[in-house]
Amino acid sequence: MPCLGMSNKTVSVELTETLEANAALGQEIVSLREQLATANKAVDASKTELASLTAELATKEKAIIAATAEIISLKTAVTTAEKSASAKAAEIVAAQGCPPVAGLNVPVPTSPADLMAQFQRISDPKLKTEFYRKHRAILDPK
């Protein structure tokens, strides 16, 4: 039944145009769905890559932390060995009654017991007096 005031031909033309427009919209919807599916696949791939990179970063951070701890441990061991060697060298020099060689960075014992032991090992009276005067505040606190 034709609409009021419209001929069958006019209704038929409008119906055909509407169907064609509807078909074009359907094709556009299919195209948009395909684009959405492609975009979703790209997002999923990006999420997978992000997870992989995050895991790799965590592994590398752990390796850096372990390497840093090892470096600190090695530095501490080297410092301890250097101090021990320097202290032993100072003991040997003091036991021989010789003053330490100028320019060497030999740590001086700081505890009163260490200074007293070093003082007692010095056999040269002149060196012993110099040592005492230098460390009088520690050796003879009043």
Protein backbone atom coordinates (compact mmCIF):
# COMPACT_ATOMS: atom_id res chain seq x y z
CA MET A 1 0.00 0.00 0.00
CA PRO A 2 1.58 3.25 -1.10
CA CYS A 3 2.00 6.19 1.27
CA LEU A 4 -0.45 9.01 0.96
CA GLY A 5 0.48 11.41 -1.74
CA MET A 6 3.28 9.24 -3.13
CA SER A 7 3.21 7.16 -6.21
CA ASN A 8 4.31 3.56 -6.25
CA LYS A 9 7.30 4.51 -8.34
CA THR A 10 8.42 7.17 -5.87
CA VAL A 11 8.04 4.77 -2.94
CA SER A 12 9.92 2.11 -4.87
CA VAL A 13 12.80 4.53 -5.67
CA GLU A 14 13.03 5.68 -2.05
CA LEU A 15 12.91 2.10 -0.84
CA THR A 16 15.71 1.13 -3.24
CA GLU A 17 17.81 4.12 -2.14
CA THR A 18 17.20 3.24 1.51
CA LEU A 19 18.20 -0.39 0.91
CA GLU A 20 21.34 0.69 -0.96
CA ALA A 21 22.25 3.11 1.85
CA ASN A 22 21.55 0.37 4.37
CA ALA A 23 23.79 -2.07 2.43
CA ALA A 24 26.56 0.55 2.30
CA LEU A 25 26.25 1.06 6.06
CA GLY A 26 26.40 -2.72 6.54
CA GLN A 27 29.61 -2.89 4.52
CA GLU A 28 31.04 0.01 6.53
CA ILE A 29 30.13 -1.80 9.76
CA VAL A 30 31.89 -4.95 8.51
CA SER A 31 34.95 -2.88 7.59
CA LEU A 32 34.96 -1.15 11.00
CA ARG A 33 34.64 -4.52 12.77
CA GLU A 34 37.64 -5.82 10.80
CA GLN A 35 39.63 -2.71 11.76
CA LEU A 36 38.60 -3.18 15.40
CA ALA A 37 39.68 -6.85 15.31
CA THR A 38 43.05 -5.83 13.82
CA ALA A 39 43.46 -3.11 16.46
CA ASN A 40 42.57 -5.59 19.23
CA LYS A 41 45.21 -8.01 17.92
CA ALA A 42 47.77 -5.19 17.93
CA VAL A 43 46.80 -4.28 21.52
CA ASP A 44 47.13 -7.92 22.59
CA ALA A 45 50.56 -8.14 20.92
CA SER A 46 51.61 -4.92 22.66
CA LYS A 47 50.44 -6.28 26.03
CA THR A 48 52.41 -9.47 25.47
CA GLU A 49 55.51 -7.49 24.50
CA LEU A 50 55.07 -5.22 27.52
CA ALA A 51 54.84 -8.23 29.84
CA SER A 52 57.96 -9.71 28.29
CA LEU A 53 59.90 -6.44 28.56
CA THR A 54 58.73 -5.98 32.15
CA ALA A 55 59.99 -9.45 33.06
CA GLU A 56 63.30 -8.76 31.29
CA LEU A 57 63.64 -5.46 33.15
CA ALA A 58 62.98 -7.16 36.50
CA THR A 59 65.63 -9.78 35.71
CA LYS A 60 68.16 -7.10 34.78
CA GLU A 61 67.34 -5.08 37.91
CA LYS A 62 68.00 -8.18 40.04
CA ALA A 63 71.31 -8.71 38.23
CA ILE A 64 72.28 -5.07 38.82
CA ILE A 65 71.41 -5.35 42.52
CA ALA A 66 73.47 -8.55 42.82
CA ALA A 67 76.40 -7.00 40.94
CA THR A 68 76.24 -3.88 43.12
CA ALA A 69 76.25 -6.00 46.27
CA GLU A 70 79.24 -7.96 44.96
CA ILE A 71 81.09 -4.72 44.14
CA ILE A 72 80.45 -3.39 47.64
CA SER A 73 81.61 -6.69 49.13
CA LEU A 74 84.76 -6.67 47.01
CA LYS A 75 85.51 -3.03 47.86
CA THR A 76 85.12 -3.85 51.54
CA ALA A 77 87.42 -6.85 51.19
CA VAL A 78 90.04 -4.77 49.36
CA THR A 79 89.84 -1.99 51.95
CA THR A 80 90.18 -4.51 54.77
CA ALA A 81 93.14 -6.18 53.05
CA GLU A 82 94.82 -2.81 52.43
CA LYS A 83 94.33 -1.76 56.05
CA SER A 84 95.61 -5.11 57.29
CA ALA A 85 98.67 -4.93 55.04
CA SER A 86 99.35 -1.33 56.03
CA ALA A 87 99.00 -2.14 59.71
CA LYS A 88 101.32 -5.15 59.36
CA ALA A 89 103.85 -3.00 57.51
CA ALA A 90 103.65 -0.36 60.25
CA GLU A 91 104.18 -3.05 62.90
CA ILE A 92 107.22 -4.41 61.09
CA VAL A 93 108.69 -0.93 60.71
CA ALA A 94 107.98 -0.09 64.34
CA ALA A 95 109.45 -3.39 65.52
CA GLN A 96 112.65 -2.53 63.70
CA GLY A 97 112.76 0.83 65.45
CA CYS A 98 112.53 2.72 62.16
CA PRO A 99 110.24 5.64 61.57
CA PRO A 100 107.61 5.09 58.88
CA VAL A 101 108.66 6.06 55.37
CA ALA A 102 107.43 9.53 54.46
CA GLY A 103 104.82 9.67 51.75
CA LEU A 104 103.28 6.29 52.53
CA ASN A 105 99.68 6.29 53.54
CA VAL A 106 100.02 3.94 56.47
CA PRO A 107 97.16 4.12 58.93
CA VAL A 108 98.30 4.95 62.43
CA PRO A 109 96.85 2.81 65.22
CA THR A 110 94.32 4.87 67.13
CA SER A 111 93.46 2.77 70.14
CA PRO A 112 95.58 3.31 73.25
CA ALA A 113 96.45 -0.40 73.40
CA ASP A 114 97.69 -0.40 69.79
CA LEU A 115 99.73 2.74 70.36
CA MET A 116 101.22 1.35 73.59
CA ALA A 117 102.15 -1.91 71.86
CA GLN A 118 103.80 0.02 69.04
CA PHE A 119 105.55 2.29 71.54
CA GLN A 120 106.96 -0.69 73.44
CA ARG A 121 108.36 -2.25 70.25
CA ILE A 122 110.47 0.79 69.46
CA SER A 123 114.03 0.19 70.68
CA ASP A 124 115.69 3.48 69.67
CA PRO A 125 115.30 5.94 72.60
CA LYS A 126 115.18 8.96 70.29
CA LEU A 127 112.42 7.45 68.13
CA LYS A 128 110.62 6.27 71.25
CA THR A 129 110.64 9.83 72.64
CA GLU A 130 109.39 11.27 69.34
CA PHE A 131 106.62 8.67 69.20
CA TYR A 132 105.61 9.35 72.81
CA ARG A 133 105.47 13.11 72.27
CA LYS A 134 103.41 12.66 69.11
CA HIS A 135 100.88 10.39 70.86
CA ARG A 136 101.08 11.73 74.42
CA ALA A 137 97.38 12.64 74.54
CA ILE A 138 96.40 9.04 73.87
CA LEU A 139 99.22 7.23 75.70
CA ASP A 140 99.13 9.34 78.87
CA PRO A 141 95.66 10.91 79.25
CA LYS A 142 95.34 13.09 82.35
